[in-house]
Amino acid sequence: MKHMCICAYEAYVQMCICAYVHLKHMCICAYEAYEAYEAAHRMWHMLAYEAFARMCI
């Protein structure tokens, strides 16, 4: 488990398995997890936009 780390996302905290980058000490999320995050993130933005649009009307 040495080479595993946890990523935190800005909109909400979502755990994912990351590949450890030795030199940069950064996380790169696995492609499948990233795709799932992107889909959820787009949905979150769509819902937030709809709520905002309703408030502004």
PDB file of N, CA and C in Angstrom:
ATOM      1  N   MET A   1       0.815  -1.216   0.000  1.00  0.00           N
ATOM      2  CA  MET A   1       0.000   0.000   0.000  1.00  0.00           C
ATOM      3  C   MET A   1       0.852   1.271   0.000  1.00  0.00           C
ATOM      4  N   LYS A   2       2.151   1.128  -0.065  1.00  0.00           N
ATOM      5  CA  LYS A   2       3.039   2.295  -0.057  1.00  0.00           C
ATOM      6  C   LYS A   2       2.735   3.259  -1.196  1.00  0.00           C
ATOM      7  N   HIS A   3       2.408   2.701  -2.346  1.00  0.00           N
ATOM      8  CA  HIS A   3       2.300   3.532  -3.541  1.00  0.00           C
ATOM      9  C   HIS A   3       0.864   3.950  -3.821  1.00  0.00           C
ATOM     10  N   MET A   4       0.027   3.964  -2.772  1.00  0.00           N
ATOM     11  CA  MET A   4      -1.351   4.415  -2.929  1.00  0.00           C
ATOM     12  C   MET A   4      -1.516   5.726  -2.177  1.00  0.00           C
ATOM     13  N   CYS A   5      -2.360   6.585  -2.669  1.00  0.00           N
ATOM     14  CA  CYS A   5      -2.675   7.813  -1.955  1.00  0.00           C
ATOM     15  C   CYS A   5      -4.105   8.213  -2.270  1.00  0.00           C
ATOM     16  N   ILE A   6      -4.588   9.214  -1.570  1.00  0.00           N
ATOM     17  CA  ILE A   6      -5.989   9.607  -1.684  1.00  0.00           C
ATOM     18  C   ILE A   6      -6.099  11.001  -2.295  1.00  0.00           C
ATOM     19  N   CYS A   7      -6.974  11.156  -3.248  1.00  0.00           N
ATOM     20  CA  CYS A   7      -7.230  12.462  -3.854  1.00  0.00           C
ATOM     21  C   CYS A   7      -8.483  13.061  -3.243  1.00  0.00           C
ATOM     22  N   ALA A   8      -8.494  14.361  -3.092  1.00  0.00           N
ATOM     23  CA  ALA A   8      -9.700  15.063  -2.655  1.00  0.00           C
ATOM     24  C   ALA A   8     -10.121  16.011  -3.767  1.00  0.00           C
ATOM     25  N   TYR A   9     -11.408  16.017  -4.097  1.00  0.00           N
ATOM     26  CA  TYR A   9     -11.903  16.892  -5.157  1.00  0.00           C
ATOM     27  C   TYR A   9     -12.508  18.155  -4.573  1.00  0.00           C
ATOM     28  N   GLU A  10     -12.540  19.210  -5.351  1.00  0.00           N
ATOM     29  CA  GLU A  10     -12.960  20.520  -4.870  1.00  0.00           C
ATOM     30  C   GLU A  10     -14.449  20.581  -4.530  1.00  0.00           C
ATOM     31  N   ALA A  11     -15.318  20.078  -5.382  1.00  0.00           N
ATOM     32  CA  ALA A  11     -16.756  20.205  -5.165  1.00  0.00           C
ATOM     33  C   ALA A  11     -17.208  19.396  -3.950  1.00  0.00           C
ATOM     34  N   TYR A  12     -16.683  18.218  -3.788  1.00  0.00           N
ATOM     35  CA  TYR A  12     -16.972  17.372  -2.643  1.00  0.00           C
ATOM     36  C   TYR A  12     -15.814  16.397  -2.525  1.00  0.00           C
ATOM     37  N   VAL A  13     -15.689  15.781  -1.381  1.00  0.00           N
ATOM     38  CA  VAL A  13     -14.578  14.857  -1.185  1.00  0.00           C
ATOM     39  C   VAL A  13     -14.992  13.491  -1.709  1.00  0.00           C
ATOM     40  N   GLN A  14     -14.198  12.979  -2.619  1.00  0.00           N
ATOM     41  CA  GLN A  14     -14.477  11.660  -3.179  1.00  0.00           C
ATOM     42  C   GLN A  14     -13.182  10.864  -3.149  1.00  0.00           C
ATOM     43  N   MET A  15     -13.223   9.692  -2.565  1.00  0.00           N
ATOM     44  CA  MET A  15     -12.017   8.880  -2.459  1.00  0.00           C
ATOM     45  C   MET A  15     -11.792   8.116  -3.750  1.00  0.00           C
ATOM     46  N   CYS A  16     -10.533   8.006  -4.133  1.00  0.00           N
ATOM     47  CA  CYS A  16     -10.203   7.173  -5.286  1.00  0.00           C
ATOM     48  C   CYS A  16      -8.803   6.621  -5.117  1.00  0.00           C
ATOM     49  N   ILE A  17      -8.540   5.532  -5.743  1.00  0.00           N
ATOM     50  CA  ILE A  17      -7.206   4.947  -5.732  1.00  0.00           C
ATOM     51  C   ILE A  17      -6.361   5.718  -6.736  1.00  0.00           C
ATOM     52  N   CYS A  18      -5.187   6.130  -6.313  1.00  0.00           N
ATOM     53  CA  CYS A  18      -4.332   6.919  -7.185  1.00  0.00           C
ATOM     54  C   CYS A  18      -3.026   6.197  -7.458  1.00  0.00           C
ATOM     55  N   ALA A  19      -2.436   6.518  -8.588  1.00  0.00           N
ATOM     56  CA  ALA A  19      -1.105   6.017  -8.901  1.00  0.00           C
ATOM     57  C   ALA A  19      -0.109   7.041  -8.385  1.00  0.00           C
ATOM     58  N   TYR A  20       0.875   6.614  -7.642  1.00  0.00           N
ATOM     59  CA  TYR A  20       1.834   7.529  -7.043  1.00  0.00           C
ATOM     60  C   TYR A  20       2.912   7.912  -8.046  1.00  0.00           C
ATOM     61  N   VAL A  21       3.196   9.201  -8.137  1.00  0.00           N
ATOM     62  CA  VAL A  21       4.253   9.686  -9.010  1.00  0.00           C
ATOM     63  C   VAL A  21       5.464   9.976  -8.141  1.00  0.00           C
ATOM     64  N   HIS A  22       6.520   9.204  -8.333  1.00  0.00           N
ATOM     65  CA  HIS A  22       7.663   9.231  -7.421  1.00  0.00           C
ATOM     66  C   HIS A  22       8.328  10.599  -7.308  1.00  0.00           C
ATOM     67  N   LEU A  23       8.642  11.212  -8.432  1.00  0.00           N
ATOM     68  CA  LEU A  23       9.450  12.431  -8.392  1.00  0.00           C
ATOM     69  C   LEU A  23       8.648  13.655  -7.980  1.00  0.00           C
ATOM     70  N   LYS A  24       7.413  13.736  -8.435  1.00  0.00           N
ATOM     71  CA  LYS A  24       6.637  14.949  -8.218  1.00  0.00           C
ATOM     72  C   LYS A  24       5.810  14.899  -6.942  1.00  0.00           C
ATOM     73  N   HIS A  25       5.673  13.724  -6.333  1.00  0.00           N
ATOM     74  CA  HIS A  25       4.851  13.566  -5.133  1.00  0.00           C
ATOM     75  C   HIS A  25       3.426  14.064  -5.370  1.00  0.00           C
ATOM     76  N   MET A  26       2.885  13.696  -6.522  1.00  0.00           N
ATOM     77  CA  MET A  26       1.520  14.078  -6.863  1.00  0.00           C
ATOM     78  C   MET A  26       0.676  12.841  -7.080  1.00  0.00           C
ATOM     79  N   CYS A  27      -0.641  13.039  -7.006  1.00  0.00           N
ATOM     80  CA  CYS A  27      -1.573  11.939  -7.283  1.00  0.00           C
ATOM     81  C   CYS A  27      -2.104  12.067  -8.705  1.00  0.00           C
ATOM     82  N   ILE A  28      -2.178  10.966  -9.385  1.00  0.00           N
ATOM     83  CA  ILE A  28      -2.899  10.916 -10.647  1.00  0.00           C
ATOM     84  C   ILE A  28      -3.937   9.805 -10.507  1.00  0.00           C
ATOM     85  N   CYS A  29      -5.187  10.193 -10.605  1.00  0.00           N
ATOM     86  CA  CYS A  29      -6.253   9.219 -10.411  1.00  0.00           C
ATOM     87  C   CYS A  29      -6.313   8.244 -11.580  1.00  0.00           C
ATOM     88  N   ALA A  30      -6.701   7.033 -11.267  1.00  0.00           N
ATOM     89  CA  ALA A  30      -6.889   6.024 -12.299  1.00  0.00           C
ATOM     90  C   ALA A  30      -7.928   6.517 -13.297  1.00  0.00           C
ATOM     91  N   TYR A  31      -7.768   6.167 -14.538  1.00  0.00           N
ATOM     92  CA  TYR A  31      -8.616   6.675 -15.617  1.00  0.00           C
ATOM     93  C   TYR A  31     -10.095   6.401 -15.367  1.00  0.00           C
ATOM     94  N   GLU A  32     -10.420   5.206 -14.893  1.00  0.00           N
ATOM     95  CA  GLU A  32     -11.815   4.851 -14.647  1.00  0.00           C
ATOM     96  C   GLU A  32     -12.412   5.742 -13.565  1.00  0.00           C
ATOM     97  N   ALA A  33     -11.672   5.971 -12.492  1.00  0.00           N
ATOM     98  CA  ALA A  33     -12.148   6.823 -11.414  1.00  0.00           C
ATOM     99  C   ALA A  33     -12.308   8.260 -11.910  1.00  0.00           C
ATOM    100  N   TYR A  34     -11.383   8.687 -12.758  1.00  0.00           N
ATOM    101  CA  TYR A  34     -11.443  10.042 -13.298  1.00  0.00           C
ATOM    102  C   TYR A  34     -12.672  10.233 -14.182  1.00  0.00           C
ATOM    103  N   GLU A  35     -12.966   9.217 -14.997  1.00  0.00           N
ATOM    104  CA  GLU A  35     -14.153   9.276 -15.848  1.00  0.00           C
ATOM    105  C   GLU A  35     -15.415   9.371 -15.012  1.00  0.00           C
ATOM    106  N   ALA A  36     -15.484   8.574 -13.947  1.00  0.00           N
ATOM    107  CA  ALA A  36     -16.648   8.596 -13.070  1.00  0.00           C
ATOM    108  C   ALA A  36     -16.774   9.968 -12.394  1.00  0.00           C
ATOM    109  N   TYR A  37     -15.633  10.512 -11.979  1.00  0.00           N
ATOM    110  CA  TYR A  37     -15.638  11.833 -11.356  1.00  0.00           C
ATOM    111  C   TYR A  37     -16.112  12.901 -12.337  1.00  0.00           C
ATOM    112  N   GLU A  38     -15.622  12.833 -13.567  1.00  0.00           N
ATOM    113  CA  GLU A  38     -16.006  13.821 -14.574  1.00  0.00           C
ATOM    114  C   GLU A  38     -17.508  13.795 -14.823  1.00  0.00           C
ATOM    115  N   ALA A  39     -18.084  12.599 -14.914  1.00  0.00           N
ATOM    116  CA  ALA A  39     -19.528  12.471 -15.139  1.00  0.00           C
ATOM    117  C   ALA A  39     -20.301  13.068 -13.964  1.00  0.00           C
ATOM    118  N   ALA A  40     -19.864  12.758 -12.736  1.00  0.00           N
ATOM    119  CA  ALA A  40     -20.532  13.286 -11.550  1.00  0.00           C
ATOM    120  C   ALA A  40     -20.367  14.798 -11.469  1.00  0.00           C
ATOM    121  N   HIS A  41     -19.199  15.280 -11.842  1.00  0.00           N
ATOM    122  CA  HIS A  41     -18.901  16.709 -11.781  1.00  0.00           C
ATOM    123  C   HIS A  41     -19.776  17.482 -12.762  1.00  0.00           C
ATOM    124  N   ARG A  42     -19.938  16.938 -13.983  1.00  0.00           N
ATOM    125  CA  ARG A  42     -20.802  17.581 -14.977  1.00  0.00           C
ATOM    126  C   ARG A  42     -22.238  17.609 -14.490  1.00  0.00           C
ATOM    127  N   MET A  43     -22.694  16.509 -13.882  1.00  0.00           N
ATOM    128  CA  MET A  43     -24.058  16.450 -13.370  1.00  0.00           C
ATOM    129  C   MET A  43     -24.245  17.466 -12.251  1.00  0.00           C
ATOM    130  N   TRP A  44     -23.238  17.567 -11.370  1.00  0.00           N
ATOM    131  CA  TRP A  44     -23.291  18.522 -10.264  1.00  0.00           C
ATOM    132  C   TRP A  44     -23.411  19.942 -10.797  1.00  0.00           C
ATOM    133  N   HIS A  45     -22.623  20.281 -11.819  1.00  0.00           N
ATOM    134  CA  HIS A  45     -22.676  21.616 -12.411  1.00  0.00           C
ATOM    135  C   HIS A  45     -24.027  21.880 -13.057  1.00  0.00           C
ATOM    136  N   MET A  46     -24.579  20.870 -13.708  1.00  0.00           N
ATOM    137  CA  MET A  46     -25.872  21.018 -14.362  1.00  0.00           C
ATOM    138  C   MET A  46     -26.958  21.292 -13.323  1.00  0.00           C
ATOM    139  N   LEU A  47     -26.938  20.525 -12.221  1.00  0.00           N
ATOM    140  CA  LEU A  47     -27.926  20.716 -11.164  1.00  0.00           C
ATOM    141  C   LEU A  47     -27.761  22.081 -10.505  1.00  0.00           C
ATOM    142  N   ALA A  48     -26.518  22.476 -10.257  1.00  0.00           N
ATOM    143  CA  ALA A  48     -26.254  23.773  -9.640  1.00  0.00           C
ATOM    144  C   ALA A  48     -26.718  24.900 -10.558  1.00  0.00           C
ATOM    145  N   TYR A  49     -26.474  24.742 -11.851  1.00  0.00           N
ATOM    146  CA  TYR A  49     -26.879  25.758 -12.822  1.00  0.00           C
ATOM    147  C   TYR A  49     -28.397  25.886 -12.869  1.00  0.00           C
ATOM    148  N   GLU A  50     -29.105  24.738 -12.852  1.00  0.00           N
ATOM    149  CA  GLU A  50     -30.569  24.754 -12.872  1.00  0.00           C
ATOM    150  C   GLU A  50     -31.121  25.456 -11.635  1.00  0.00           C
ATOM    151  N   ALA A  51     -30.529  25.153 -10.473  1.00  0.00           N
ATOM    152  CA  ALA A  51     -30.968  25.778  -9.228  1.00  0.00           C
ATOM    153  C   ALA A  51     -30.729  27.288  -9.282  1.00  0.00           C
ATOM    154  N   PHE A  52     -29.574  27.682  -9.809  1.00  0.00           N
ATOM    155  CA  PHE A  52     -29.218  29.092  -9.932  1.00  0.00           C
ATOM    156  C   PHE A  52     -30.179  29.798 -10.891  1.00  0.00           C
ATOM    157  N   ALA A  53     -30.487  29.134 -12.014  1.00  0.00           N
ATOM    158  CA  ALA A  53     -31.398  29.710 -13.006  1.00  0.00           C
ATOM    159  C   ALA A  53     -32.783  29.911 -12.390  1.00  0.00           C
ATOM    160  N   ARG A  54     -33.232  28.960 -11.571  1.00  0.00           N
ATOM    161  CA  ARG A  54     -34.536  29.086 -10.925  1.00  0.00           C
ATOM    162  C   ARG A  54     -34.543  30.264  -9.943  1.00  0.00           C
ATOM    163  N   MET A  55     -33.438  30.470  -9.245  1.00  0.00           N
ATOM    164  CA  MET A  55     -33.347  31.564  -8.292  1.00  0.00           C
ATOM    165  C   MET A  55     -33.405  32.913  -9.003  1.00  0.00           C
ATOM    166  N   CYS A  56     -32.829  32.966 -10.187  1.00  0.00           N
ATOM    167  CA  CYS A  56     -32.693  34.244 -10.880  1.00  0.00           C
ATOM    168  C   CYS A  56     -33.940  34.642 -11.657  1.00  0.00           C
ATOM    169  N   ILE A  57     -34.822  33.698 -11.887  1.00  0.00           N
ATOM    170  CA  ILE A  57     -36.024  34.015 -12.683  1.00  0.00           C
ATOM    171  C   ILE A  57     -37.020  34.788 -11.820  1.00  0.00           C
TER     172      ILE A  57
END
